[in-house]
Amino acid sequence: MGKYSDQKKIAAAADYCGGHLGLRATARRHGVNVASLRLWAAAYRVLDLEELQAALRRYIHYYNHDRIKLKLGGLSPVEYRTQCEAA
């Protein structure tokens, strides 16, 4: 599970796209990162709810399993955790 639940992401994106508050104010209100909210709002505008949830799941999988991080020795976060647990 990621840092934020899918419901929290969708609620924050919907609130921002509703136009009542600015990006930073909405991010503070929901306790989320401004850059993340910007991405969620862009996806929310383009996709319907089911597509948005599927896109979030794909991104979370990529972020945890496929993305390499130089600070982790060129491993993905999951590979790094698995390596640490095996030691």
Protein backbone atom coordinates (compact mmCIF):
# COMPACT_ATOMS: atom_id res chain seq x y z
CA MET A 1 0.00 0.00 0.00
CA GLY A 2 1.25 3.47 -0.82
CA LYS A 3 1.50 6.48 1.38
CA TYR A 4 -2.01 7.63 0.44
CA SER A 5 -5.09 5.49 -0.13
CA ASP A 6 -6.86 5.58 -3.49
CA GLN A 7 -9.88 7.15 -1.78
CA LYS A 8 -7.73 9.95 -0.36
CA LYS A 9 -6.15 10.61 -3.77
CA ILE A 10 -9.50 10.73 -5.52
CA ALA A 11 -11.06 12.93 -2.83
CA ALA A 12 -8.16 15.40 -3.00
CA ALA A 13 -8.20 15.48 -6.82
CA ALA A 14 -11.98 15.94 -6.93
CA ASP A 15 -11.81 18.72 -4.34
CA TYR A 16 -9.09 20.55 -6.29
CA CYS A 17 -10.86 20.07 -9.64
CA GLY A 18 -14.03 21.43 -8.05
CA GLY A 19 -12.31 24.81 -8.14
CA HIS A 20 -13.06 26.02 -4.62
CA LEU A 21 -9.46 26.17 -3.41
CA GLY A 22 -6.05 26.52 -5.02
CA LEU A 23 -3.55 23.70 -5.39
CA ARG A 24 -1.57 24.41 -2.21
CA ALA A 25 -4.63 25.08 -0.08
CA THR A 26 -6.23 21.84 -1.25
CA ALA A 27 -3.01 19.91 -0.60
CA ARG A 28 -2.82 21.33 2.95
CA ARG A 29 -6.50 20.59 3.55
CA HIS A 30 -6.03 16.93 2.59
CA GLY A 31 -2.53 16.58 4.04
CA VAL A 32 -0.93 15.56 0.75
CA ASN A 33 2.08 16.61 -1.31
CA VAL A 34 1.46 19.44 -3.81
CA ALA A 35 3.32 17.69 -6.66
CA SER A 36 1.36 14.49 -6.10
CA LEU A 37 -1.93 16.37 -6.05
CA ARG A 38 -1.03 18.03 -9.35
CA LEU A 39 -0.54 14.58 -10.95
CA TRP A 40 -3.72 13.16 -9.44
CA ALA A 41 -5.76 16.17 -10.61
CA ALA A 42 -4.45 15.85 -14.17
CA ALA A 43 -5.38 12.17 -14.22
CA TYR A 44 -8.76 12.90 -12.61
CA ARG A 45 -9.63 15.38 -15.36
CA VAL A 46 -8.80 12.91 -18.13
CA LEU A 47 -9.94 9.58 -16.71
CA ASP A 48 -13.13 8.26 -15.24
CA LEU A 49 -13.05 6.83 -11.71
CA GLU A 50 -12.28 3.22 -12.67
CA GLU A 51 -9.54 4.24 -15.10
CA LEU A 52 -8.05 6.55 -12.48
CA GLN A 53 -7.93 3.76 -9.89
CA ALA A 54 -6.30 1.40 -12.42
CA ALA A 55 -3.76 4.07 -13.40
CA LEU A 56 -2.92 4.68 -9.74
CA ARG A 57 -2.39 0.96 -9.15
CA ARG A 58 -0.10 0.74 -12.22
CA TYR A 59 1.91 3.75 -11.08
CA ILE A 60 2.28 2.41 -7.53
CA HIS A 61 3.46 -0.92 -8.92
CA TYR A 62 5.96 0.85 -11.17
CA TYR A 63 7.15 3.06 -8.31
CA ASN A 64 7.76 0.12 -5.98
CA HIS A 65 8.83 -2.66 -8.37
CA ASP A 66 10.27 -1.23 -11.61
CA ARG A 67 11.82 2.13 -10.71
CA ILE A 68 15.50 1.89 -9.87
CA LYS A 69 16.98 4.18 -7.26
CA LEU A 70 20.71 4.97 -7.26
CA LYS A 71 20.63 5.59 -3.49
CA LEU A 72 19.48 1.98 -3.11
CA GLY A 73 22.38 0.64 -5.13
CA GLY A 74 20.49 0.58 -8.43
CA LEU A 75 17.71 -1.59 -7.00
CA SER A 76 13.99 -0.99 -6.88
CA PRO A 77 12.55 -0.35 -3.40
CA VAL A 78 11.06 -3.87 -3.27
CA GLU A 79 14.33 -5.49 -4.37
CA TYR A 80 16.20 -3.46 -1.76
CA ARG A 81 13.80 -4.47 1.05
CA THR A 82 13.96 -8.11 -0.04
CA GLN A 83 17.75 -7.97 -0.04
CA CYS A 84 17.79 -6.43 3.45
CA GLU A 85 15.35 -9.01 4.82
CA ALA A 86 17.41 -11.89 3.41
CA ALA A 87 20.60 -10.64 5.12
